[in-house]
N, C-alpha and C. Protein backbone atom coordinates (compact mmCIF):
# COMPACT_ATOMS: atom_id res chain seq x y z
N MET A 1 82.37 12.99 71.73
CA MET A 1 82.49 12.09 70.95
C MET A 1 81.85 10.64 70.73
N PRO A 2 80.97 10.59 69.83
CA PRO A 2 80.50 8.80 70.24
C PRO A 2 81.11 7.99 70.39
N THR A 3 80.61 7.29 70.95
CA THR A 3 81.99 5.76 71.23
C THR A 3 81.43 5.11 69.99
N SER A 4 82.37 3.93 69.89
CA SER A 4 82.18 3.40 68.90
C SER A 4 80.77 2.20 68.79
N ASP A 5 80.93 1.80 69.51
CA ASP A 5 79.46 1.14 70.21
C ASP A 5 78.43 1.67 69.63
N ALA A 6 77.85 3.03 69.49
CA ALA A 6 76.34 3.36 68.98
C ALA A 6 77.26 3.86 67.74
N LEU A 7 78.33 4.01 67.23
CA LEU A 7 78.78 3.82 65.42
C LEU A 7 78.44 2.48 65.10
N GLN A 8 78.70 0.96 66.09
CA GLN A 8 78.63 0.05 65.29
C GLN A 8 76.87 -0.35 65.63
N MET A 9 76.66 -0.08 66.55
CA MET A 9 74.45 -0.42 66.53
C MET A 9 74.08 0.74 65.39
N ALA A 10 74.77 2.26 64.80
CA ALA A 10 74.04 2.82 63.30
C ALA A 10 74.39 1.53 62.04
N TYR A 11 75.75 1.51 62.21
CA TYR A 11 76.01 0.64 61.05
C TYR A 11 75.29 -0.93 60.81
N ASP A 12 75.19 -1.52 61.85
CA ASP A 12 74.71 -2.93 61.39
C ASP A 12 73.03 -2.78 61.32
N ASP A 13 72.45 -1.59 61.64
CA ASP A 13 70.97 -1.28 60.98
C ASP A 13 70.37 -0.76 60.13
N GLY A 14 72.05 -0.47 59.45
CA GLY A 14 71.94 0.57 58.24
C GLY A 14 71.18 2.01 58.13
N LEU A 15 72.22 2.77 59.52
CA LEU A 15 70.76 3.92 59.58
C LEU A 15 72.46 4.82 59.88
N ASP A 16 72.37 5.81 60.28
CA ASP A 16 73.41 6.88 60.47
C ASP A 16 72.93 7.30 61.91
N LEU A 17 74.34 8.26 62.51
CA LEU A 17 74.38 8.61 63.46
C LEU A 17 74.80 9.84 63.41
N VAL A 18 73.38 10.68 63.57
CA VAL A 18 73.41 12.36 63.87
C VAL A 18 73.81 12.72 64.91
N GLU A 19 74.64 13.70 64.55
CA GLU A 19 74.70 14.48 66.30
C GLU A 19 73.72 16.04 66.13
N ILE A 20 73.04 15.56 67.40
CA ILE A 20 71.79 16.78 67.62
C ILE A 20 72.46 18.01 68.22
N SER A 21 73.60 17.58 68.96
CA SER A 21 73.90 18.93 69.84
C SER A 21 75.24 18.91 70.73
N SER A 22 76.50 19.97 70.10
CA SER A 22 77.17 19.11 70.61
C SER A 22 78.01 20.67 71.92
N ASN A 23 76.83 21.07 71.85
CA ASN A 23 77.09 22.30 72.96
C ASN A 23 77.58 21.84 74.40
N GLY A 24 77.45 20.38 75.00
CA GLY A 24 77.15 20.55 76.09
C GLY A 24 79.05 19.50 76.52
N ALA A 25 79.38 19.05 77.57
CA ALA A 25 80.24 18.30 77.29
C ALA A 25 80.02 17.12 76.93
N VAL A 26 78.85 16.79 76.35
CA VAL A 26 78.59 15.40 76.73
C VAL A 26 77.98 15.89 74.64
N PRO A 27 78.17 15.62 74.00
CA PRO A 27 77.42 15.11 72.62
C PRO A 27 76.23 14.81 72.50
N ILE A 28 74.78 14.98 72.12
CA ILE A 28 74.03 14.07 72.27
C ILE A 28 74.08 13.89 70.40
N VAL A 29 73.76 12.69 70.21
CA VAL A 29 73.68 11.80 68.74
C VAL A 29 72.46 11.20 68.81
N LYS A 30 71.71 10.91 67.61
CA LYS A 30 70.60 10.18 67.54
C LYS A 30 70.68 9.06 65.97
N ILE A 31 70.42 7.89 66.48
CA ILE A 31 70.45 7.01 65.63
C ILE A 31 69.29 6.98 64.55
N MET A 32 69.81 7.23 63.48
CA MET A 32 68.11 6.92 62.31
C MET A 32 68.91 7.08 60.77
N ASP A 33 67.83 7.30 59.71
CA ASP A 33 67.83 7.07 58.14
C ASP A 33 68.27 8.81 58.13
N PHE A 34 69.28 9.43 57.82
CA PHE A 34 69.23 10.85 57.44
C PHE A 34 68.75 11.01 56.51
N GLY A 35 68.64 10.30 54.88
CA GLY A 35 68.37 10.53 53.88
C GLY A 35 66.72 10.57 53.94
N LYS A 36 66.50 9.38 54.79
CA LYS A 36 64.75 9.70 54.81
C LYS A 36 64.03 11.26 55.65
N TYR A 37 65.25 11.26 56.53
CA TYR A 37 64.65 12.38 57.63
C TYR A 37 64.94 13.63 56.78
N LYS A 38 65.79 13.66 55.53
CA LYS A 38 65.85 15.36 54.63
C LYS A 38 64.26 14.78 54.04
N TYR A 39 64.41 13.44 53.24
CA TYR A 39 63.18 13.58 51.77
C TYR A 39 61.80 14.19 52.97
N GLU A 40 61.59 14.01 54.19
CA GLU A 40 60.11 14.00 54.94
C GLU A 40 60.32 15.85 55.16
N GLN A 41 61.01 16.10 55.68
CA GLN A 41 61.52 17.75 55.75
C GLN A 41 61.81 18.38 55.04
N LYS A 42 61.53 18.35 53.65
CA LYS A 42 61.66 18.70 52.03
C LYS A 42 60.08 18.67 51.81
N LYS A 43 59.64 17.54 52.23
CA LYS A 43 58.16 17.00 51.77
C LYS A 43 57.52 18.07 52.70
N ARG A 44 57.71 18.31 53.79
CA ARG A 44 56.39 19.34 55.00
C ARG A 44 56.80 20.96 54.39
N ALA A 45 58.28 21.02 54.24
CA ALA A 45 58.49 22.80 53.11
C ALA A 45 57.71 22.74 52.18
N ALA A 46 57.58 21.96 51.59
CA ALA A 46 56.58 22.00 49.97
C ALA A 46 55.05 21.70 50.47
N GLU A 47 54.87 21.34 51.51
CA GLU A 47 53.51 21.34 51.77
C GLU A 47 53.03 22.67 52.17
N ALA A 48 54.56 22.96 53.26
CA ALA A 48 53.86 24.19 53.91
C ALA A 48 53.24 25.17 52.58
N ARG A 49 54.29 25.36 51.89
CA ARG A 49 54.53 26.62 50.74
C ARG A 49 53.56 26.22 50.09
N LYS A 50 52.87 25.07 49.65
CA LYS A 50 51.14 24.79 48.86
C LYS A 50 50.54 25.74 49.68
N ASN A 51 50.14 24.98 51.49
CA ASN A 51 49.15 25.68 51.77
C ASN A 51 48.89 27.06 52.39
N GLN A 52 49.79 28.05 52.00
CA GLN A 52 50.31 29.14 52.62
C GLN A 52 49.61 30.01 51.45
N LYS A 53 48.92 30.98 52.37
CA LYS A 53 48.58 31.88 51.51
C LYS A 53 48.89 33.26 51.10
N VAL A 54 48.99 33.53 49.29
CA VAL A 54 50.02 34.83 49.31
C VAL A 54 48.95 35.72 49.05
N VAL A 55 49.38 37.17 50.54
CA VAL A 55 48.15 37.98 50.13
C VAL A 55 49.40 39.29 49.20
N GLY A 56 48.32 39.90 48.74
CA GLY A 56 48.58 40.87 47.32
C GLY A 56 48.36 41.91 47.64
N VAL A 57 49.48 43.45 47.23
CA VAL A 57 48.51 43.99 47.32
C VAL A 57 48.41 45.01 45.92
N LYS A 58 46.68 45.14 46.26
CA LYS A 58 46.20 45.97 45.19
C LYS A 58 46.54 47.98 45.24
N GLU A 59 46.71 48.66 44.10
CA GLU A 59 46.47 49.86 44.37
C GLU A 59 45.45 50.20 43.45
N VAL A 60 44.48 51.22 43.99
CA VAL A 60 43.52 52.30 43.74
C VAL A 60 43.88 53.96 44.16
N TRP A 61 43.44 53.97 42.59
CA TRP A 61 43.98 56.00 42.89
C TRP A 61 42.84 56.77 42.24
N VAL A 62 42.71 57.70 43.47
CA VAL A 62 41.68 58.90 42.86
C VAL A 62 41.97 59.84 43.56
N LYS A 63 41.14 60.76 43.39
CA LYS A 63 41.50 62.22 43.04
C LYS A 63 41.23 62.74 44.40
N PRO A 64 41.73 64.14 44.66
CA PRO A 64 40.91 64.24 46.28
C PRO A 64 39.36 64.82 45.99
N PHE A 65 38.74 65.48 44.93
CA PHE A 65 37.81 66.12 44.98
C PHE A 65 37.29 64.83 43.98
N ILE A 66 36.75 64.26 44.24
CA ILE A 66 36.41 62.84 43.43
C ILE A 66 34.70 62.88 43.92
N GLU A 67 33.94 62.63 42.27
CA GLU A 67 32.60 62.74 42.65
C GLU A 67 32.01 61.53 43.30
N ASP A 68 30.55 61.10 43.52
CA ASP A 68 30.39 60.27 44.26
C ASP A 68 29.52 59.09 43.30
N ASN A 69 29.56 59.36 42.49
CA ASN A 69 29.51 57.79 41.11
C ASN A 69 30.58 57.75 41.03
N ASP A 70 31.78 58.13 40.77
CA ASP A 70 33.02 57.58 40.74
C ASP A 70 33.75 57.18 41.58
N LEU A 71 33.73 58.22 42.98
CA LEU A 71 33.55 57.25 43.92
C LEU A 71 33.10 55.63 44.59
N ASN A 72 31.81 55.45 43.63
CA ASN A 72 31.01 54.06 44.03
C ASN A 72 31.95 53.47 43.12
N ILE A 73 32.23 53.47 42.20
CA ILE A 73 32.80 52.61 41.27
C ILE A 73 34.03 51.90 41.37
N LYS A 74 34.99 53.14 42.15
CA LYS A 74 36.40 52.79 42.50
C LYS A 74 36.03 51.60 44.13
N MET A 75 34.53 52.17 44.33
CA MET A 75 34.84 51.48 45.54
C MET A 75 34.25 49.66 45.09
N LYS A 76 33.70 49.35 44.20
CA LYS A 76 33.02 48.59 43.58
C LYS A 76 34.79 47.51 43.93
N LYS A 77 35.97 47.98 43.24
CA LYS A 77 36.54 47.77 43.04
C LYS A 77 37.52 47.28 44.11
N VAL A 78 37.23 48.07 44.55
CA VAL A 78 38.29 47.89 46.65
C VAL A 78 37.53 46.67 46.72
N PHE A 79 36.06 46.86 46.77
CA PHE A 79 35.63 45.53 47.57
C PHE A 79 35.47 44.22 47.13
N GLU A 80 36.12 44.41 45.61
CA GLU A 80 36.77 43.09 44.54
C GLU A 80 37.88 42.62 45.27
N PHE A 81 39.03 43.75 45.42
CA PHE A 81 39.92 43.24 46.08
C PHE A 81 39.95 42.59 47.45
N LEU A 82 38.92 43.23 48.34
CA LEU A 82 39.29 42.56 49.42
C LEU A 82 38.32 41.40 49.26
N ASP A 83 37.58 40.88 48.80
CA ASP A 83 36.50 39.50 48.68
C ASP A 83 37.61 38.91 48.44
N GLU A 84 38.48 39.25 47.61
CA GLU A 84 39.56 38.00 47.21
C GLU A 84 40.62 37.45 48.14
N GLY A 85 40.99 38.52 49.02
CA GLY A 85 41.65 38.53 50.00
C GLY A 85 42.73 39.01 50.39
N ASN A 86 43.00 39.85 49.20
CA ASN A 86 44.13 40.87 49.03
C ASN A 86 44.03 42.58 49.82
N LYS A 87 44.80 43.13 49.93
CA LYS A 87 45.04 44.20 50.86
C LYS A 87 44.80 45.54 49.67
N VAL A 88 43.57 46.43 49.81
CA VAL A 88 44.11 47.47 49.32
C VAL A 88 44.61 48.74 49.50
N LYS A 89 45.39 49.57 48.66
CA LYS A 89 46.43 50.89 48.87
C LYS A 89 45.48 51.71 47.94
N VAL A 90 44.88 52.78 48.81
CA VAL A 90 43.78 53.92 48.24
C VAL A 90 45.19 54.98 48.21
N ALA A 91 45.46 55.63 46.50
CA ALA A 91 46.07 56.36 46.63
C ALA A 91 45.61 57.82 46.02
N VAL A 92 45.48 58.98 46.68
CA VAL A 92 45.37 60.26 45.98
C VAL A 92 46.48 61.10 45.67
N MET A 93 46.82 61.39 44.52
CA MET A 93 47.65 62.27 43.97
C MET A 93 46.88 63.68 44.41
N THR A 94 48.12 64.28 45.25
CA THR A 94 47.33 65.74 45.77
C THR A 94 48.15 66.74 44.86
N ARG A 95 49.29 66.38 43.41
CA ARG A 95 50.71 67.22 43.50
C ARG A 95 49.94 68.12 42.09
N GLY A 96 50.29 69.13 41.81
CA GLY A 96 50.32 69.87 40.54
C GLY A 96 49.33 71.01 40.96
N SER A 97 47.66 70.83 40.07
CA SER A 97 47.69 72.59 40.70
C SER A 97 47.44 72.51 41.76
N LYS A 98 47.21 74.00 41.58
CA LYS A 98 47.15 74.84 42.59
C LYS A 98 45.75 74.77 43.09
N LYS A 99 44.66 74.44 42.11
CA LYS A 99 43.75 74.61 42.59
C LYS A 99 42.65 73.63 43.52
N VAL A 100 43.32 72.93 43.76
CA VAL A 100 43.63 71.57 44.53
C VAL A 100 44.08 71.88 46.35
N LEU A 101 45.47 72.88 45.71
CA LEU A 101 46.01 73.09 47.28
C LEU A 101 45.33 74.36 48.15
N ALA A 102 44.56 74.87 47.42
CA ALA A 102 43.71 76.57 47.51
C ALA A 102 42.32 75.83 48.21
N ARG A 103 41.47 74.86 47.59
CA ARG A 103 40.51 74.48 47.97
C ARG A 103 40.41 74.13 49.36
N GLY A 104 41.53 73.12 49.95
CA GLY A 104 41.63 72.96 51.31
C GLY A 104 42.54 72.11 51.62
N LYS A 105 43.16 71.87 52.85
CA LYS A 105 44.26 70.60 53.17
C LYS A 105 43.29 69.87 53.72
N ASP A 106 42.37 69.59 53.93
CA ASP A 106 41.09 68.85 54.90
C ASP A 106 40.83 67.77 53.71
N ALA A 107 40.86 68.47 52.48
CA ALA A 107 40.44 67.35 51.79
C ALA A 107 40.90 65.79 51.28
N VAL A 108 41.80 65.82 52.02
CA VAL A 108 42.42 64.09 51.60
C VAL A 108 41.97 63.23 52.98
N PRO A 109 42.26 64.02 53.86
CA PRO A 109 41.45 63.08 55.14
C PRO A 109 40.16 63.49 54.78
N GLU A 110 39.42 63.98 54.80
CA GLU A 110 38.06 63.88 54.72
C GLU A 110 37.70 62.60 53.10
N LEU A 111 38.11 62.57 52.61
CA LEU A 111 38.00 61.49 51.59
C LEU A 111 38.29 60.05 51.86
N PHE A 112 39.01 60.46 52.94
CA PHE A 112 40.03 58.98 53.31
C PHE A 112 38.51 58.42 54.38
N ALA A 113 38.17 59.51 54.76
CA ALA A 113 37.32 59.22 56.22
C ALA A 113 35.82 58.59 55.60
N ARG A 114 35.42 59.21 54.13
CA ARG A 114 34.65 58.82 53.38
C ARG A 114 34.61 57.20 53.23
N ILE A 115 36.23 57.20 52.50
CA ILE A 115 36.38 55.79 51.71
C ILE A 115 36.45 55.07 53.09
N MET A 116 36.99 55.57 54.27
CA MET A 116 36.76 53.92 55.52
C MET A 116 34.91 53.98 56.24
N GLU A 117 34.20 54.83 55.71
CA GLU A 117 33.22 54.76 56.49
C GLU A 117 32.26 53.86 54.88
N ILE A 118 32.53 54.08 53.78
CA ILE A 118 32.17 53.03 53.05
C ILE A 118 32.54 51.88 53.25
N VAL A 119 33.46 51.22 53.21
CA VAL A 119 34.22 50.00 53.34
C VAL A 119 33.52 49.16 54.93
N GLY A 120 33.49 49.92 55.57
CA GLY A 120 32.59 49.90 56.72
C GLY A 120 33.20 48.63 57.93
N ASP A 121 32.90 47.85 57.63
CA ASP A 121 33.72 45.98 58.60
C ASP A 121 33.80 45.31 57.89
N ARG A 122 33.72 45.00 56.02
CA ARG A 122 34.61 44.79 55.06
C ARG A 122 35.87 44.71 55.16
N GLY A 123 36.43 45.70 55.93
CA GLY A 123 37.78 45.87 55.88
C GLY A 123 38.17 46.93 57.31
N THR A 124 39.67 46.74 56.99
CA THR A 124 40.22 47.52 58.37
C THR A 124 41.45 48.16 58.02
N LEU A 125 41.38 49.26 58.62
CA LEU A 125 42.81 50.41 58.19
C LEU A 125 43.84 50.36 58.61
N GLU A 126 44.57 49.49 58.01
CA GLU A 126 46.38 49.00 58.27
C GLU A 126 47.35 50.33 58.16
N SER A 127 47.23 51.22 57.51
CA SER A 127 48.40 52.29 57.71
C SER A 127 47.95 53.23 56.87
N LYS A 128 48.52 54.05 57.41
CA LYS A 128 48.35 55.63 56.58
C LYS A 128 49.86 56.05 56.07
N SER A 129 49.76 56.89 54.97
CA SER A 129 50.95 57.28 54.40
C SER A 129 51.59 58.58 55.31
N LYS A 130 52.59 58.88 55.12
CA LYS A 130 53.54 60.51 56.51
C LYS A 130 52.67 61.02 55.86
N PRO A 131 52.76 62.55 56.70
CA PRO A 131 51.71 63.42 56.08
C PRO A 131 52.54 64.38 55.37
N ASP A 132 53.79 64.68 55.24
CA ASP A 132 54.88 65.63 54.32
C ASP A 132 54.69 64.07 52.80
N GLU A 133 54.43 63.30 52.68
CA GLU A 133 54.67 62.85 51.41
C GLU A 133 53.77 63.38 50.51
N ARG A 134 54.16 63.95 49.09
CA ARG A 134 53.68 63.73 47.85
C ARG A 134 52.17 63.19 47.92
N THR A 135 52.36 62.25 47.50
CA THR A 135 51.08 60.86 47.52
C THR A 135 50.61 60.32 48.52
N LYS A 136 49.27 60.91 49.17
CA LYS A 136 48.81 60.11 50.06
C LYS A 136 48.64 58.70 50.25
N SER A 137 48.08 58.35 50.95
CA SER A 137 47.49 56.84 50.89
C SER A 137 47.08 55.76 52.04
N ILE A 138 46.02 55.06 52.04
CA ILE A 138 45.84 54.15 53.38
C ILE A 138 45.75 53.09 52.45
N LEU A 139 46.11 52.27 53.57
CA LEU A 139 46.11 50.64 53.24
C LEU A 139 45.20 50.31 54.04
N ILE A 140 44.27 48.83 53.18
CA ILE A 140 43.40 48.45 53.50
C ILE A 140 43.10 47.01 53.63
N ALA A 141 43.23 46.84 54.70
CA ALA A 141 43.66 45.27 54.61
C ALA A 141 41.78 44.47 55.34
N PRO A 142 41.96 42.82 54.36
CA PRO A 142 40.74 42.28 54.81
C PRO A 142 39.60 42.20 56.07
N THR A 143 39.41 42.42 56.91
CA THR A 143 38.65 41.32 58.21
C THR A 143 38.47 40.24 57.86
N LYS A 144 38.60 39.31 59.04
CA LYS A 144 38.87 37.57 58.20
C LYS A 144 37.60 37.14 58.90
């Protein structure tokens, strides 16, 4: 417990006696204006929130057997999202048609490889979907 001398000093100066640590045998206290401290702490937190950049995840859907022209149009949208600083999830829907399954299971990995080749150094591959998921996807993050 702080001594009455420290309490009297804080009271005389119009300040507060704030306990910093009570873990040890002797508690550590500090004389400060606690209201001012809380105000400054709130201001710092607001400034940090204002300066932080929120990274969104945008999604672009493609089909497994997309034509080159259609892919180029989709990639323009991907580049817009990356330039804005957002991550881009490129998803491929593989369910449904037997035609998709009959043409080969390598279509989606080849498409993702083509997409990453087009993206080049503008983005980096952050993650891939699990092999057993119905919808395959990759997450591309913008390079800094």
